[in-house]
Structures are given as structure tokens and as C-alpha cells.
Amino acid sequence: DRLIMKQFEAALGRGQNFPGRFAIYTGEREERISPPETRMTSNVLEVQRLIVKHRSQFEAPLAQILPGLSHHSILGIAATYGLQFLLSPPNRLQETY
């Protein structure tokens, strides 16, 4: 349980840097409709907390919970948002997000 989150936390604790951009999205309806062990929304909240706590170790992170969505409805929106975030020029990233 939580293997990836534990590995991520351990890497941050060791001071590992995460250069480049990454985007994580989940729908806010996930924990109401998915099995409890998936913890998708809670995990994204935890990633957000870790980003804030270890901000200097990230170049351009983004972790968002999108309102009103689930894994059934998030695909198109998350792909569009993710591409926009990943492809935006660095000097215009704040205009996008």
C-alpha cells in the first residue's frame, strides 16, 4: 500500500531533485466512486503537500484535483491541461497556470 508515495517521499528526504516539468491530475469524485485503496484524490493532495514542503527540489511541478470529474471524464481535459502546461514556454508558464 502506498509504495509509490513512500518511494517519492524517501527520494525527497534524500534531497533528490526533480528537474523538468510534471503534471498530475485527478478528479475530485474519485474517492466516492473508486475502491478506497486507490486513494487517488488523497494521494494528489499528499503530492501537493510534498511539493510545498520541498519546493526547492522541483523545477515546475503541478498537481491538481479537477472539480466534478472522475477517471471516466478526466481524460480529455487532463490531456489538454497537461500538454498546455508541459509545452508552455517557461517565461509564460505563470500566464497558463
Protein backbone atom coordinates (compact mmCIF):
# COMPACT_ATOMS: atom_id res chain seq x y z
CA ASP A 1 0.00 0.00 0.00
CA ARG A 2 1.26 3.47 -0.93
CA LEU A 3 4.52 2.06 -2.40
CA ILE A 4 5.00 4.86 -4.94
CA MET A 5 4.17 7.58 -2.42
CA LYS A 6 6.65 6.08 0.06
CA GLN A 7 9.36 5.96 -2.62
CA PHE A 8 8.61 9.56 -3.62
CA GLU A 9 8.77 10.75 0.00
CA ALA A 10 12.04 8.85 0.55
CA ALA A 11 13.60 10.41 -2.55
CA LEU A 12 12.61 13.88 -1.37
CA GLY A 13 14.01 13.11 2.08
CA ARG A 14 17.34 12.16 0.48
CA GLY A 15 17.37 15.54 -1.28
CA GLN A 16 16.71 14.24 -4.79
CA ASN A 17 15.84 16.98 -7.26
CA PHE A 18 13.13 16.66 -9.87
CA PRO A 19 14.20 18.77 -12.86
CA GLY A 20 11.78 19.41 -15.68
CA ARG A 21 8.04 19.64 -15.54
CA PHE A 22 5.47 17.14 -14.40
CA ALA A 23 1.72 17.33 -14.10
CA ILE A 24 -0.61 15.10 -12.09
CA TYR A 25 -4.38 15.39 -12.33
CA THR A 26 -7.22 13.51 -10.70
CA GLY A 27 -10.94 14.09 -10.45
CA GLU A 28 -12.49 15.14 -7.16
CA ARG A 29 -15.13 12.40 -7.46
CA GLU A 30 -12.56 9.58 -7.38
CA GLU A 31 -12.71 8.67 -3.72
CA ARG A 32 -16.50 8.48 -3.82
CA ILE A 33 -16.64 6.05 -6.77
CA SER A 34 -13.36 4.08 -6.68
CA PRO A 35 -12.22 1.44 -4.21
CA PRO A 36 -10.84 3.01 -1.01
CA GLU A 37 -7.37 1.53 -1.52
CA THR A 38 -6.78 3.61 -4.66
CA ARG A 39 -6.85 6.89 -2.67
CA MET A 40 -6.43 8.90 -5.88
CA THR A 41 -7.63 12.23 -4.55
CA SER A 42 -5.84 11.82 -1.21
CA ASN A 43 -2.62 10.91 -2.99
CA VAL A 44 -2.74 14.05 -5.14
CA LEU A 45 -3.36 16.13 -2.00
CA GLU A 46 -0.31 14.46 -0.47
CA VAL A 47 1.79 15.23 -3.58
CA GLN A 48 0.67 18.86 -3.34
CA ARG A 49 1.77 18.95 0.31
CA LEU A 50 5.15 17.45 -0.57
CA ILE A 51 5.65 19.94 -3.40
CA VAL A 52 5.08 22.82 -0.99
CA LYS A 53 7.33 21.30 1.67
CA HIS A 54 10.18 20.54 -0.77
CA ARG A 55 9.59 23.31 -3.33
CA SER A 56 13.30 23.92 -3.98
CA GLN A 57 13.68 20.34 -5.25
CA PHE A 58 11.24 20.82 -8.14
CA GLU A 59 11.60 22.83 -11.33
CA ALA A 60 7.96 23.08 -12.41
CA PRO A 61 5.50 20.75 -10.66
CA LEU A 62 1.74 20.77 -10.97
CA ALA A 63 -0.69 18.56 -9.06
CA GLN A 64 -4.37 19.39 -9.35
CA ILE A 65 -7.71 17.95 -8.39
CA LEU A 66 -10.25 18.84 -11.05
CA PRO A 67 -13.78 19.51 -9.75
CA GLY A 68 -16.71 17.37 -10.82
CA LEU A 69 -14.59 14.78 -12.64
CA SER A 70 -13.74 11.11 -12.29
CA HIS A 71 -11.49 8.74 -14.21
CA HIS A 72 -14.38 8.36 -16.67
CA SER A 73 -14.50 12.05 -17.56
CA ILE A 74 -10.99 13.42 -16.91
CA LEU A 75 -9.05 12.02 -19.86
CA GLY A 76 -9.62 14.72 -22.47
CA ILE A 77 -9.43 17.63 -20.05
CA ALA A 78 -6.31 16.32 -18.27
CA ALA A 79 -4.56 15.64 -21.58
CA THR A 80 -5.33 19.17 -22.79
CA TYR A 81 -4.28 20.80 -19.49
CA GLY A 82 -1.17 18.63 -19.26
CA LEU A 83 0.00 19.42 -22.79
CA GLN A 84 -0.63 23.12 -22.25
CA PHE A 85 1.41 23.02 -19.03
CA LEU A 86 4.22 20.88 -20.44
CA LEU A 87 4.58 22.81 -23.71
CA SER A 88 4.19 26.39 -22.45
CA PRO A 89 7.37 28.47 -22.70
CA PRO A 90 8.95 28.93 -19.23
CA ASN A 91 8.51 32.70 -19.31
CA ARG A 92 4.76 32.31 -19.94
CA LEU A 93 4.03 29.42 -17.60
CA GLN A 94 2.53 31.69 -14.93
CA GLU A 95 0.04 33.03 -17.50
CA THR A 96 -1.12 29.48 -18.14
CA TYR A 97 -1.23 28.24 -14.54
